[in-house]
Each structure stands twice: as C-alpha cells, then as structure tokens.
C-alpha cells in the first residue's frame, strides 16, 4: 500500500434473515488491504419480541 492510499473504516450491517457471518468473505479482503472493518449483529425479530415481552412492552 502506498502512502497516498487512504485507509477507510467500514461498518458492515447485514440484511434480513442473516447475521454478521454474511460478511465472512468481504471482511478479510478489506482488512488485508489495510482497512478497519466492524460488523454489526442485529437481533432477530423473535428475539426482539421476547425481549420486549420481558419488559412488559406491547408487541405488535
């Protein structure tokens, strides 16, 4: 990598019905090129409903 190549910070967010493992191929490629990569693991809908129920929130 030359001195003019900017290193970026990437935050990868998966889509529906996936988890952070969806980025298993892309993340190492970006990191190998010197970028900082973070993945986010969003909760599944059923898990969210259970959590809301525990706190006595109305689940629609």
C-alpha atoms as a PDB file:
ATOM      1  CA  UNK A   1       0.000   0.000   0.000  1.00  0.00           C
ATOM      2  CA  UNK A   2       1.490   3.363  -0.949  1.00  0.00           C
ATOM      3  CA  UNK A   3       1.474   6.483   1.233  1.00  0.00           C
ATOM      4  CA  UNK A   4      -1.372   8.035  -0.796  1.00  0.00           C
ATOM      5  CA  UNK A   5      -3.768   5.124  -0.284  1.00  0.00           C
ATOM      6  CA  UNK A   6      -6.393   6.105   2.295  1.00  0.00           C
ATOM      7  CA  UNK A   7      -7.390   3.556   4.881  1.00  0.00           C
ATOM      8  CA  UNK A   8     -11.126   3.559   5.468  1.00  0.00           C
ATOM      9  CA  UNK A   9     -13.305   2.398   8.317  1.00  0.00           C
ATOM     10  CA  UNK A  10     -16.190   0.169   7.240  1.00  0.00           C
ATOM     11  CA  UNK A  11     -19.217  -0.783   9.311  1.00  0.00           C
ATOM     12  CA  UNK A  12     -20.970  -3.711   7.660  1.00  0.00           C
ATOM     13  CA  UNK A  13     -24.626  -4.288   8.526  1.00  0.00           C
ATOM     14  CA  UNK A  14     -26.338  -7.467   7.352  1.00  0.00           C
ATOM     15  CA  UNK A  15     -29.807  -7.673   5.838  1.00  0.00           C
ATOM     16  CA  UNK A  16     -32.875  -9.556   6.976  1.00  0.00           C
ATOM     17  CA  UNK A  17     -32.534 -13.249   7.880  1.00  0.00           C
ATOM     18  CA  UNK A  18     -28.760 -13.024   8.114  1.00  0.00           C
ATOM     19  CA  UNK A  19     -26.129 -12.306  10.735  1.00  0.00           C
ATOM     20  CA  UNK A  20     -22.640 -10.829  10.819  1.00  0.00           C
ATOM     21  CA  UNK A  21     -21.272 -14.005   9.210  1.00  0.00           C
ATOM     22  CA  UNK A  22     -22.745 -12.756   5.926  1.00  0.00           C
ATOM     23  CA  UNK A  23     -19.585 -10.645   5.650  1.00  0.00           C
ATOM     24  CA  UNK A  24     -17.221 -13.606   6.132  1.00  0.00           C
ATOM     25  CA  UNK A  25     -15.779 -13.281   2.636  1.00  0.00           C
ATOM     26  CA  UNK A  26     -15.594  -9.488   2.298  1.00  0.00           C
ATOM     27  CA  UNK A  27     -14.276  -8.555   5.748  1.00  0.00           C
ATOM     28  CA  UNK A  28     -10.882 -10.323   5.437  1.00  0.00           C
ATOM     29  CA  UNK A  29     -10.331  -8.841   1.974  1.00  0.00           C
ATOM     30  CA  UNK A  30     -10.870  -5.293   3.245  1.00  0.00           C
ATOM     31  CA  UNK A  31      -8.708  -5.926   6.322  1.00  0.00           C
ATOM     32  CA  UNK A  32      -5.936  -7.381   4.154  1.00  0.00           C
ATOM     33  CA  UNK A  33      -5.936  -4.104   2.229  1.00  0.00           C
ATOM     34  CA  UNK A  34      -5.370  -2.225   5.498  1.00  0.00           C
ATOM     35  CA  UNK A  35      -8.907  -1.035   6.226  1.00  0.00           C
ATOM     36  CA  UNK A  36     -10.654  -1.216   9.594  1.00  0.00           C
ATOM     37  CA  UNK A  37     -13.813  -3.339   9.402  1.00  0.00           C
ATOM     38  CA  UNK A  38     -16.547  -3.775  12.008  1.00  0.00           C
ATOM     39  CA  UNK A  39     -19.592  -5.972  11.636  1.00  0.00           C
ATOM     40  CA  UNK A  40     -22.900  -5.478  13.416  1.00  0.00           C
ATOM     41  CA  UNK A  41     -25.062  -8.359  14.549  1.00  0.00           C
ATOM     42  CA  UNK A  42     -28.668  -7.133  14.655  1.00  0.00           C
ATOM     43  CA  UNK A  43     -31.163  -9.074  16.773  1.00  0.00           C
ATOM     44  CA  UNK A  44     -33.644 -11.366  15.084  1.00  0.00           C
ATOM     45  CA  UNK A  45     -37.306 -10.395  15.213  1.00  0.00           C
ATOM     46  CA  UNK A  46     -38.316 -13.270  17.520  1.00  0.00           C
ATOM     47  CA  UNK A  47     -35.516 -12.397  19.915  1.00  0.00           C
ATOM     48  CA  UNK A  48     -36.689  -8.772  19.898  1.00  0.00           C
ATOM     49  CA  UNK A  49     -40.277  -9.820  20.646  1.00  0.00           C
ATOM     50  CA  UNK A  50     -39.127 -11.975  23.583  1.00  0.00           C
ATOM     51  CA  UNK A  51     -37.023  -9.133  24.967  1.00  0.00           C
ATOM     52  CA  UNK A  52     -39.889  -6.658  24.712  1.00  0.00           C
ATOM     53  CA  UNK A  53     -42.216  -9.140  26.427  1.00  0.00           C
ATOM     54  CA  UNK A  54     -39.761  -9.450  29.333  1.00  0.00           C
ATOM     55  CA  UNK A  55     -40.017  -5.699  29.845  1.00  0.00           C
ATOM     56  CA  UNK A  56     -43.826  -5.831  29.608  1.00  0.00           C
ATOM     57  CA  UNK A  57     -43.923  -3.845  26.377  1.00  0.00           C
ATOM     58  CA  UNK A  58     -46.772  -4.288  23.951  1.00  0.00           C
ATOM     59  CA  UNK A  59     -45.641  -6.377  20.988  1.00  0.00           C
ATOM     60  CA  UNK A  60     -47.430  -5.668  17.725  1.00  0.00           C
END
